[in-house]
Amino acid sequence: MKKEDRATLRSQLYERAKRADLGLVEAVKMMRKIAGKTQADYAALVGVSPRVLIDFERGVGNPTVKTLEKIIWPFHLELTVRRKSQA
């Protein structure tokens, strides 16, 4: 992915996070793409097992809050709770 594309994706990530229009799994996938890393490389970067990241991105993992905080730390994001909209 080109540097310009990663910059655009980073802007989208922060804008969608600000609007609370982004699920955690999708955010993690975006962060990894922005970083230009494979799942194994990103897992090593943030200090988690590659299997944990792979399973989480597939929607079958159940990482701890501490692990999730490690995964999102490079992008200076935080875990929050919000009420689901009534659509």
Protein backbone atom coordinates (compact mmCIF):
# COMPACT_ATOMS: atom_id res chain seq x y z
CA MET A 1 0.00 0.00 0.00
CA LYS A 2 1.34 3.43 -0.94
CA LYS A 3 2.21 5.98 1.73
CA GLU A 4 -0.56 8.30 0.47
CA ASP A 5 -3.12 5.49 0.67
CA ARG A 6 -2.05 4.72 4.24
CA ALA A 7 -2.38 8.39 5.17
CA THR A 8 -5.90 8.48 3.73
CA LEU A 9 -6.82 5.28 5.55
CA ARG A 10 -5.40 6.72 8.80
CA SER A 11 -7.59 9.83 8.40
CA GLN A 12 -10.62 7.60 7.79
CA LEU A 13 -9.79 5.53 10.87
CA TYR A 14 -9.63 8.56 13.15
CA GLU A 15 -12.73 10.17 11.64
CA ARG A 16 -14.80 7.00 11.96
CA ALA A 17 -13.54 6.44 15.51
CA LYS A 18 -14.55 10.00 16.38
CA ARG A 19 -18.07 9.36 15.02
CA ALA A 20 -18.22 5.99 16.80
CA ASP A 21 -18.89 4.45 13.39
CA LEU A 22 -16.30 1.70 13.57
CA GLY A 23 -16.29 -1.76 15.07
CA LEU A 24 -13.23 -2.99 16.91
CA VAL A 25 -12.38 -5.79 14.48
CA GLU A 26 -12.61 -3.45 11.50
CA ALA A 27 -10.50 -0.85 13.33
CA VAL A 28 -7.78 -3.41 14.05
CA LYS A 29 -7.69 -4.51 10.41
CA MET A 30 -7.43 -0.88 9.30
CA MET A 31 -4.63 -0.17 11.78
CA ARG A 32 -2.65 -3.16 10.56
CA LYS A 33 -3.06 -2.07 6.92
CA ILE A 34 -2.00 1.48 7.79
CA ALA A 35 1.08 0.08 9.51
CA GLY A 36 1.81 -2.00 6.39
CA LYS A 37 2.23 -5.15 8.47
CA THR A 38 1.17 -8.75 8.14
CA GLN A 39 -0.83 -10.21 11.00
CA ALA A 40 2.31 -11.86 12.39
CA ASP A 41 4.37 -8.67 12.06
CA TYR A 42 1.73 -6.49 13.70
CA ALA A 43 1.30 -9.02 16.51
CA ALA A 44 5.05 -8.91 17.15
CA LEU A 45 5.02 -5.11 17.05
CA VAL A 46 2.37 -4.86 19.76
CA GLY A 47 3.55 -7.85 21.81
CA VAL A 48 0.75 -10.35 21.35
CA SER A 49 0.62 -13.83 19.93
CA PRO A 50 -0.02 -13.98 16.19
CA ARG A 51 -2.79 -16.52 16.84
CA VAL A 52 -4.59 -14.05 19.11
CA LEU A 53 -4.58 -11.38 16.40
CA ILE A 54 -5.52 -13.79 13.61
CA ASP A 55 -8.44 -15.24 15.56
CA PHE A 56 -9.64 -11.79 16.61
CA GLU A 57 -9.60 -10.50 13.03
CA ARG A 58 -11.58 -13.58 11.96
CA GLY A 59 -14.17 -12.83 14.63
CA VAL A 60 -13.53 -16.00 16.62
CA GLY A 61 -11.03 -14.75 19.18
CA ASN A 62 -11.73 -13.59 22.69
CA PRO A 63 -8.75 -11.45 23.76
CA THR A 64 -8.55 -9.80 27.15
CA VAL A 65 -9.06 -6.06 27.53
CA LYS A 66 -5.33 -5.74 28.24
CA THR A 67 -4.53 -7.49 24.95
CA LEU A 68 -6.95 -5.27 23.04
CA GLU A 69 -5.30 -2.21 24.57
CA LYS A 70 -1.92 -3.47 23.35
CA ILE A 71 -3.31 -3.95 19.84
CA ILE A 72 -4.72 -0.42 19.56
CA TRP A 73 -1.93 1.35 21.47
CA PRO A 74 0.22 2.30 18.41
CA PHE A 75 -2.64 4.46 17.13
CA HIS A 76 -3.28 6.18 20.48
CA LEU A 77 -6.84 4.88 20.64
CA GLU A 78 -8.70 3.75 23.74
CA LEU A 79 -11.43 1.23 24.40
CA THR A 80 -14.75 2.78 25.33
CA VAL A 81 -18.32 1.73 25.85
CA ARG A 82 -21.23 3.40 24.10
CA ARG A 83 -24.89 2.69 23.74
CA LYS A 84 -25.98 1.07 20.51
CA SER A 85 -28.18 3.24 18.36
CA GLN A 86 -31.79 2.15 18.05
CA ALA A 87 -32.17 1.71 14.30
